[in-house]
């Protein structure tokens, strides 16, 4: 009887024990200048600009289009 209680207690403690949380620590370089931390999260990317072509009255025209901002950049010009 005593053995069954011990086994039941062990099973209960393994099944219902709460897992511990482990947090990752960020390594900070104390010798780095303060400016390095200001722009660390910012990623700058160039806009994607390319020509779009169109045929008007049998003539080929082209126009720059900014696909990032979804805007036309210039006017239609004869290609």
PDB file of N, CA and C in Angstrom:
ATOM      1  N   UNK A   1       0.822  -1.182   0.000  1.00  0.00           N
ATOM      2  CA  UNK A   1       0.000   0.000   0.000  1.00  0.00           C
ATOM      3  C   UNK A   1       0.881   1.267   0.000  1.00  0.00           C
ATOM      4  N   UNK A   2       1.925   1.210   0.821  1.00  0.00           N
ATOM      5  CA  UNK A   2       2.832   2.348   0.916  1.00  0.00           C
ATOM      6  C   UNK A   2       3.536   2.588  -0.424  1.00  0.00           C
ATOM      7  N   UNK A   3       3.856   1.505  -1.107  1.00  0.00           N
ATOM      8  CA  UNK A   3       4.537   1.594  -2.400  1.00  0.00           C
ATOM      9  C   UNK A   3       3.622   2.236  -3.449  1.00  0.00           C
ATOM     10  N   UNK A   4       2.332   1.903  -3.440  1.00  0.00           N
ATOM     11  CA  UNK A   4       1.370   2.476  -4.385  1.00  0.00           C
ATOM     12  C   UNK A   4       1.208   3.973  -4.152  1.00  0.00           C
ATOM     13  N   UNK A   5       1.231   4.400  -2.917  1.00  0.00           N
ATOM     14  CA  UNK A   5       1.098   5.830  -2.601  1.00  0.00           C
ATOM     15  C   UNK A   5       2.329   6.593  -3.098  1.00  0.00           C
ATOM     16  N   UNK A   6       3.507   6.017  -2.898  1.00  0.00           N
ATOM     17  CA  UNK A   6       4.734   6.673  -3.358  1.00  0.00           C
ATOM     18  C   UNK A   6       4.751   6.766  -4.886  1.00  0.00           C
ATOM     19  N   UNK A   7       4.378   5.686  -5.552  1.00  0.00           N
ATOM     20  CA  UNK A   7       4.349   5.686  -7.022  1.00  0.00           C
ATOM     21  C   UNK A   7       3.315   6.687  -7.534  1.00  0.00           C
ATOM     22  N   UNK A   8       2.147   6.714  -6.894  1.00  0.00           N
ATOM     23  CA  UNK A   8       1.102   7.664  -7.293  1.00  0.00           C
ATOM     24  C   UNK A   8       1.570   9.098  -7.059  1.00  0.00           C
ATOM     25  N   UNK A   9       2.271   9.334  -5.971  1.00  0.00           N
ATOM     26  CA  UNK A   9       2.796  10.670  -5.693  1.00  0.00           C
ATOM     27  C   UNK A   9       3.839  11.097  -6.711  1.00  0.00           C
ATOM     28  N   UNK A  10       4.711  10.182  -7.117  1.00  0.00           N
ATOM     29  CA  UNK A  10       5.712  10.499  -8.128  1.00  0.00           C
ATOM     30  C   UNK A  10       5.066  10.803  -9.484  1.00  0.00           C
ATOM     31  N   UNK A  11       4.097   9.983  -9.845  1.00  0.00           N
ATOM     32  CA  UNK A  11       3.395  10.202 -11.112  1.00  0.00           C
ATOM     33  C   UNK A  11       2.682  11.552 -11.083  1.00  0.00           C
ATOM     34  N   UNK A  12       2.031  11.862  -9.987  1.00  0.00           N
ATOM     35  CA  UNK A  12       1.329  13.142  -9.852  1.00  0.00           C
ATOM     36  C   UNK A  12       2.314  14.310  -9.942  1.00  0.00           C
ATOM     37  N   UNK A  13       3.441  14.197  -9.277  1.00  0.00           N
ATOM     38  CA  UNK A  13       4.400  15.312  -9.285  1.00  0.00           C
ATOM     39  C   UNK A  13       5.030  15.503 -10.674  1.00  0.00           C
ATOM     40  N   UNK A  14       5.245  14.455 -11.432  1.00  0.00           N
ATOM     41  CA  UNK A  14       5.792  14.589 -12.779  1.00  0.00           C
ATOM     42  C   UNK A  14       4.762  15.151 -13.746  1.00  0.00           C
ATOM     43  N   UNK A  15       3.512  14.732 -13.607  1.00  0.00           N
ATOM     44  CA  UNK A  15       2.476  15.158 -14.549  1.00  0.00           C
ATOM     45  C   UNK A  15       2.014  16.595 -14.304  1.00  0.00           C
ATOM     46  N   UNK A  16       1.934  17.007 -13.071  1.00  0.00           N
ATOM     47  CA  UNK A  16       1.342  18.302 -12.756  1.00  0.00           C
ATOM     48  C   UNK A  16       2.346  19.333 -12.264  1.00  0.00           C
ATOM     49  N   UNK A  17       3.603  19.086 -12.436  1.00  0.00           N
ATOM     50  CA  UNK A  17       4.590  20.089 -12.049  1.00  0.00           C
ATOM     51  C   UNK A  17       4.613  21.187 -13.105  1.00  0.00           C
ATOM     52  N   UNK A  18       4.784  22.415 -12.693  1.00  0.00           N
ATOM     53  CA  UNK A  18       4.780  23.530 -13.634  1.00  0.00           C
ATOM     54  C   UNK A  18       6.171  23.670 -14.249  1.00  0.00           C
ATOM     55  N   UNK A  19       6.234  23.841 -15.560  1.00  0.00           N
ATOM     56  CA  UNK A  19       7.537  24.004 -16.200  1.00  0.00           C
ATOM     57  C   UNK A  19       8.101  25.392 -15.880  1.00  0.00           C
ATOM     58  N   UNK A  20       9.384  25.479 -15.784  1.00  0.00           N
ATOM     59  CA  UNK A  20      10.020  26.764 -15.502  1.00  0.00           C
ATOM     60  C   UNK A  20      10.265  27.510 -16.803  1.00  0.00           C
ATOM     61  N   UNK A  21      10.119  28.813 -16.767  1.00  0.00           N
ATOM     62  CA  UNK A  21      10.347  29.651 -17.937  1.00  0.00           C
ATOM     63  C   UNK A  21      11.787  30.136 -17.927  1.00  0.00           C
ATOM     64  N   UNK A  22      12.400  30.081 -19.092  1.00  0.00           N
ATOM     65  CA  UNK A  22      13.770  30.549 -19.232  1.00  0.00           C
ATOM     66  C   UNK A  22      13.755  31.708 -20.211  1.00  0.00           C
ATOM     67  N   UNK A  23      14.256  32.841 -19.787  1.00  0.00           N
ATOM     68  CA  UNK A  23      14.275  34.035 -20.630  1.00  0.00           C
ATOM     69  C   UNK A  23      15.685  34.210 -21.214  1.00  0.00           C
ATOM     70  N   UNK A  24      15.745  34.560 -22.490  1.00  0.00           N
ATOM     71  CA  UNK A  24      17.031  34.806 -23.130  1.00  0.00           C
ATOM     72  C   UNK A  24      17.472  36.233 -22.821  1.00  0.00           C
ATOM     73  N   UNK A  25      18.722  36.404 -22.547  1.00  0.00           N
ATOM     74  CA  UNK A  25      19.257  37.720 -22.240  1.00  0.00           C
ATOM     75  C   UNK A  25      19.944  38.296 -23.472  1.00  0.00           C
ATOM     76  N   UNK A  26      19.756  39.600 -23.684  1.00  0.00           N
ATOM     77  CA  UNK A  26      20.399  40.272 -24.803  1.00  0.00           C
ATOM     78  C   UNK A  26      21.780  40.733 -24.363  1.00  0.00           C
ATOM     79  N   UNK A  27      22.765  40.467 -25.191  1.00  0.00           N
ATOM     80  CA  UNK A  27      24.131  40.865 -24.878  1.00  0.00           C
ATOM     81  C   UNK A  27      24.337  42.278 -25.400  1.00  0.00           C
ATOM     82  N   UNK A  28      24.735  43.164 -24.531  1.00  0.00           N
ATOM     83  CA  UNK A  28      24.933  44.562 -24.884  1.00  0.00           C
ATOM     84  C   UNK A  28      26.414  44.885 -24.780  1.00  0.00           C
ATOM     85  N   UNK A  29      26.940  45.510 -25.825  1.00  0.00           N
ATOM     86  CA  UNK A  29      28.337  45.915 -25.833  1.00  0.00           C
ATOM     87  C   UNK A  29      28.437  47.274 -25.158  1.00  0.00           C
ATOM     88  N   UNK A  30      29.022  47.335 -23.979  1.00  0.00           N
ATOM     89  CA  UNK A  30      29.108  48.587 -23.235  1.00  0.00           C
ATOM     90  C   UNK A  30      30.133  49.537 -23.826  1.00  0.00           C
ATOM     91  N   UNK A  31      31.021  49.062 -24.671  1.00  0.00           N
ATOM     92  CA  UNK A  31      32.044  49.915 -25.269  1.00  0.00           C
ATOM     93  C   UNK A  31      31.573  50.577 -26.556  1.00  0.00           C
ATOM     94  N   UNK A  32      30.409  50.195 -27.066  1.00  0.00           N
ATOM     95  CA  UNK A  32      29.902  50.762 -28.312  1.00  0.00           C
ATOM     96  C   UNK A  32      29.337  52.162 -28.050  1.00  0.00           C
ATOM     97  N   UNK A  33      29.426  53.069 -29.037  1.00  0.00           N
ATOM     98  CA  UNK A  33      28.869  54.418 -28.844  1.00  0.00           C
ATOM     99  C   UNK A  33      27.347  54.387 -28.799  1.00  0.00           C
ATOM    100  N   UNK A  34      26.758  55.425 -28.226  1.00  0.00           N
ATOM    101  CA  UNK A  34      25.302  55.488 -28.070  1.00  0.00           C
ATOM    102  C   UNK A  34      24.593  55.548 -29.410  1.00  0.00           C
ATOM    103  N   UNK A  35      25.245  56.102 -30.457  1.00  0.00           N
ATOM    104  CA  UNK A  35      24.608  56.210 -31.768  1.00  0.00           C
ATOM    105  C   UNK A  35      24.325  54.845 -32.381  1.00  0.00           C
ATOM    106  N   UNK A  36      25.079  53.835 -31.981  1.00  0.00           N
ATOM    107  CA  UNK A  36      24.881  52.493 -32.529  1.00  0.00           C
ATOM    108  C   UNK A  36      23.553  51.909 -32.089  1.00  0.00           C
ATOM    109  N   UNK A  37      23.056  52.322 -30.931  1.00  0.00           N
ATOM    110  CA  UNK A  37      21.797  51.784 -30.427  1.00  0.00           C
ATOM    111  C   UNK A  37      20.592  52.545 -30.942  1.00  0.00           C
ATOM    112  N   UNK A  38      20.777  53.778 -31.368  1.00  0.00           N
ATOM    113  CA  UNK A  38      19.651  54.587 -31.823  1.00  0.00           C
ATOM    114  C   UNK A  38      19.085  54.036 -33.126  1.00  0.00           C
ATOM    115  N   UNK A  39      19.946  53.671 -34.068  1.00  0.00           N
ATOM    116  CA  UNK A  39      19.502  53.229 -35.390  1.00  0.00           C
ATOM    117  C   UNK A  39      19.568  51.712 -35.549  1.00  0.00           C
ATOM    118  N   UNK A  40      19.620  50.965 -34.477  1.00  0.00           N
ATOM    119  CA  UNK A  40      19.801  49.521 -34.573  1.00  0.00           C
ATOM    120  C   UNK A  40      18.572  48.829 -35.144  1.00  0.00           C
ATOM    121  N   UNK A  41      17.357  49.335 -34.865  1.00  0.00           N
ATOM    122  CA  UNK A  41      16.142  48.657 -35.287  1.00  0.00           C
ATOM    123  C   UNK A  41      15.624  49.157 -36.631  1.00  0.00           C
ATOM    124  N   UNK A  42      16.217  50.200 -37.179  1.00  0.00           N
ATOM    125  CA  UNK A  42      15.702  50.792 -38.405  1.00  0.00           C
ATOM    126  C   UNK A  42      16.378  50.174 -39.616  1.00  0.00           C
ATOM    127  N   UNK A  43      15.579  49.733 -40.574  1.00  0.00           N
ATOM    128  CA  UNK A  43      16.103  49.184 -41.817  1.00  0.00           C
ATOM    129  C   UNK A  43      15.628  50.073 -42.958  1.00  0.00           C
ATOM    130  N   UNK A  44      16.563  50.637 -43.693  1.00  0.00           N
ATOM    131  CA  UNK A  44      16.207  51.496 -44.820  1.00  0.00           C
ATOM    132  C   UNK A  44      16.348  50.706 -46.108  1.00  0.00           C
ATOM    133  N   UNK A  45      15.363  50.862 -46.963  1.00  0.00           N
ATOM    134  CA  UNK A  45      15.387  50.186 -48.257  1.00  0.00           C
ATOM    135  C   UNK A  45      15.022  51.189 -49.330  1.00  0.00           C
ATOM    136  N   UNK A  46      15.592  51.004 -50.506  1.00  0.00           N
ATOM    137  CA  UNK A  46      15.291  51.889 -51.623  1.00  0.00           C
ATOM    138  C   UNK A  46      13.949  51.516 -52.242  1.00  0.00           C
ATOM    139  N   UNK A  47      13.293  52.516 -52.817  1.00  0.00           N
ATOM    140  CA  UNK A  47      12.029  52.264 -53.504  1.00  0.00           C
ATOM    141  C   UNK A  47      12.272  51.449 -54.772  1.00  0.00           C
ATOM    142  N   UNK A  48      11.293  50.640 -55.127  1.00  0.00           N
ATOM    143  CA  UNK A  48      11.360  49.848 -56.354  1.00  0.00           C
ATOM    144  C   UNK A  48      10.695  50.658 -57.465  1.00  0.00           C
ATOM    145  N   UNK A  49      11.499  51.193 -58.369  1.00  0.00           N
ATOM    146  CA  UNK A  49      11.013  52.029 -59.464  1.00  0.00           C
ATOM    147  C   UNK A  49      11.420  51.378 -60.779  1.00  0.00           C
ATOM    148  N   UNK A  50      10.441  51.236 -61.690  1.00  0.00           N
ATOM    149  CA  UNK A  50      10.715  50.603 -62.970  1.00  0.00           C
ATOM    150  C   UNK A  50       9.790  51.201 -64.024  1.00  0.00           C
ATOM    151  N   UNK A  51      10.123  50.957 -65.291  1.00  0.00           N
ATOM    152  CA  UNK A  51       9.312  51.452 -66.385  1.00  0.00           C
ATOM    153  C   UNK A  51       8.109  50.537 -66.619  1.00  0.00           C
ATOM    154  N   UNK A  52       6.990  51.176 -66.966  1.00  0.00           N
ATOM    155  CA  UNK A  52       5.789  50.474 -67.407  1.00  0.00           C
ATOM    156  C   UNK A  52       5.583  50.878 -68.864  1.00  0.00           C
ATOM    157  N   UNK A  53       5.321  49.906 -69.722  1.00  0.00           N
ATOM    158  CA  UNK A  53       5.210  50.162 -71.154  1.00  0.00           C
ATOM    159  C   UNK A  53       3.753  50.071 -71.588  1.00  0.00           C
ATOM    160  N   UNK A  54       3.422  50.893 -72.621  1.00  0.00           N
ATOM    161  CA  UNK A  54       2.058  50.934 -73.132  1.00  0.00           C
ATOM    162  C   UNK A  54       2.105  51.302 -74.609  1.00  0.00           C
ATOM    163  N   UNK A  55       1.245  50.676 -75.387  1.00  0.00           N
ATOM    164  CA  UNK A  55       1.171  50.987 -76.813  1.00  0.00           C
ATOM    165  C   UNK A  55      -0.044  51.873 -77.049  1.00  0.00           C
ATOM    166  N   UNK A  56       0.204  53.079 -77.612  1.00  0.00           N
ATOM    167  CA  UNK A  56      -0.863  54.023 -77.936  1.00  0.00           C
ATOM    168  C   UNK A  56      -0.760  54.345 -79.417  1.00  0.00           C
ATOM    169  N   UNK A  57      -1.814  54.035 -80.169  1.00  0.00           N
ATOM    170  CA  UNK A  57      -1.871  54.268 -81.623  1.00  0.00           C
ATOM    171  C   UNK A  57      -0.685  53.635 -82.341  1.00  0.00           C
ATOM    172  N   UNK A  58      -0.291  52.441 -81.918  1.00  0.00           N
ATOM    173  CA  UNK A  58       0.786  51.711 -82.563  1.00  0.00           C
ATOM    174  C   UNK A  58       2.177  52.178 -82.158  1.00  0.00           C
ATOM    175  N   UNK A  59       2.291  53.118 -81.225  1.00  0.00           N
ATOM    176  CA  UNK A  59       3.590  53.615 -80.771  1.00  0.00           C
ATOM    177  C   UNK A  59       3.806  53.177 -79.323  1.00  0.00           C
ATOM    178  N   UNK A  60       5.048  52.816 -79.037  1.00  0.00           N
ATOM    179  CA  UNK A  60       5.400  52.328 -77.703  1.00  0.00           C
ATOM    180  C   UNK A  60       5.793  53.498 -76.799  1.00  0.00           C
ATOM    181  N   UNK A  61       5.103  53.606 -75.666  1.00  0.00           N
ATOM    182  CA  UNK A  61       5.400  54.635 -74.678  1.00  0.00           C
ATOM    183  C   UNK A  61       5.846  53.957 -73.385  1.00  0.00           C
ATOM    184  N   UNK A  62       6.617  54.713 -72.579  1.00  0.00           N
ATOM    185  CA  UNK A  62       7.043  54.201 -71.289  1.00  0.00           C
ATOM    186  C   UNK A  62       6.889  55.300 -70.236  1.00  0.00           C
ATOM    187  N   UNK A  63       6.707  54.837 -68.986  1.00  0.00           N
ATOM    188  CA  UNK A  63       6.535  55.762 -67.878  1.00  0.00           C
ATOM    189  C   UNK A  63       7.076  55.111 -66.618  1.00  0.00           C
ATOM    190  N   UNK A  64       7.766  55.896 -65.797  1.00  0.00           N
ATOM    191  CA  UNK A  64       8.293  55.368 -64.548  1.00  0.00           C
ATOM    192  C   UNK A  64       7.175  55.215 -63.522  1.00  0.00           C
ATOM    193  N   UNK A  65       7.230  54.087 -62.789  1.00  0.00           N
ATOM    194  CA  UNK A  65       6.231  53.817 -61.750  1.00  0.00           C
ATOM    195  C   UNK A  65       6.955  53.376 -60.481  1.00  0.00           C
ATOM    196  N   UNK A  66       6.591  53.962 -59.356  1.00  0.00           N
ATOM    197  CA  UNK A  66       7.148  53.590 -58.058  1.00  0.00           C
ATOM    198  C   UNK A  66       6.247  52.507 -57.474  1.00  0.00           C
ATOM    199  N   UNK A  67       6.711  51.258 -57.508  1.00  0.00           N
ATOM    200  CA  UNK A  67       5.913  50.136 -57.029  1.00  0.00           C
ATOM    201  C   UNK A  67       5.824  50.100 -55.501  1.00  0.00           C
ATOM    202  N   UNK A  68       6.778  50.724 -54.809  1.00  0.00           N
ATOM    203  CA  UNK A  68       6.754  50.747 -53.355  1.00  0.00           C
ATOM    204  C   UNK A  68       5.647  51.664 -52.848  1.00  0.00           C
ATOM    205  N   UNK A  69       5.578  52.874 -53.417  1.00  0.00           N
ATOM    206  CA  UNK A  69       4.571  53.844 -52.985  1.00  0.00           C
ATOM    207  C   UNK A  69       3.318  53.808 -53.848  1.00  0.00           C
ATOM    208  N   UNK A  70       3.342  53.008 -54.906  1.00  0.00           N
ATOM    209  CA  UNK A  70       2.230  52.863 -55.851  1.00  0.00           C
ATOM    210  C   UNK A  70       1.834  54.215 -56.440  1.00  0.00           C
ATOM    211  N   UNK A  71       2.849  54.923 -57.004  1.00  0.00           N
ATOM    212  CA  UNK A  71       2.635  56.235 -57.618  1.00  0.00           C
ATOM    213  C   UNK A  71       3.378  56.304 -58.946  1.00  0.00           C
ATOM    214  N   UNK A  72       2.837  57.103 -59.858  1.00  0.00           N
ATOM    215  CA  UNK A  72       3.538  57.398 -61.095  1.00  0.00           C
ATOM    216  C   UNK A  72       4.603  58.438 -60.812  1.00  0.00           C
ATOM    217  N   UNK A  73       5.786  58.287 -61.431  1.00  0.00           N
ATOM    218  CA  UNK A  73       6.895  59.203 -61.176  1.00  0.00           C
ATOM    219  C   UNK A  73       6.924  60.323 -62.223  1.00  0.00           C
ATOM    220  N   UNK A  74       6.744  60.006 -63.465  1.00  0.00           N
ATOM    221  CA  UNK A  74       6.831  61.029 -64.521  1.00  0.00           C
ATOM    222  C   UNK A  74       5.678  60.893 -65.492  1.00  0.00           C
ATOM    223  N   UNK A  75       5.881  61.467 -66.685  1.00  0.00           N
ATOM    224  CA  UNK A  75       4.863  61.419 -67.738  1.00  0.00           C
ATOM    225  C   UNK A  75       5.201  60.326 -68.737  1.00  0.00           C
ATOM    226  N   UNK A  76       4.213  59.993 -69.587  1.00  0.00           N
ATOM    227  CA  UNK A  76       4.449  59.025 -70.648  1.00  0.00           C
ATOM    228  C   UNK A  76       5.402  59.646 -71.669  1.00  0.00           C
ATOM    229  N   UNK A  77       6.429  58.908 -72.052  1.00  0.00           N
ATOM    230  CA  UNK A  77       7.369  59.364 -73.068  1.00  0.00           C
ATOM    231  C   UNK A  77       7.473  58.289 -74.161  1.00  0.00           C
ATOM    232  N   UNK A  78       7.788  58.757 -75.371  1.00  0.00           N
ATOM    233  CA  UNK A  78       7.925  57.830 -76.480  1.00  0.00           C
ATOM    234  C   UNK A  78       9.189  57.009 -76.306  1.00  0.00           C
ATOM    235  N   UNK A  79       9.063  55.701 -76.354  1.00  0.00           N
ATOM    236  CA  UNK A  79      10.221  54.819 -76.093  1.00  0.00           C
ATOM    237  C   UNK A  79      11.093  54.676 -77.294  1.00  0.00           C
TER     238      UNK A  79
END
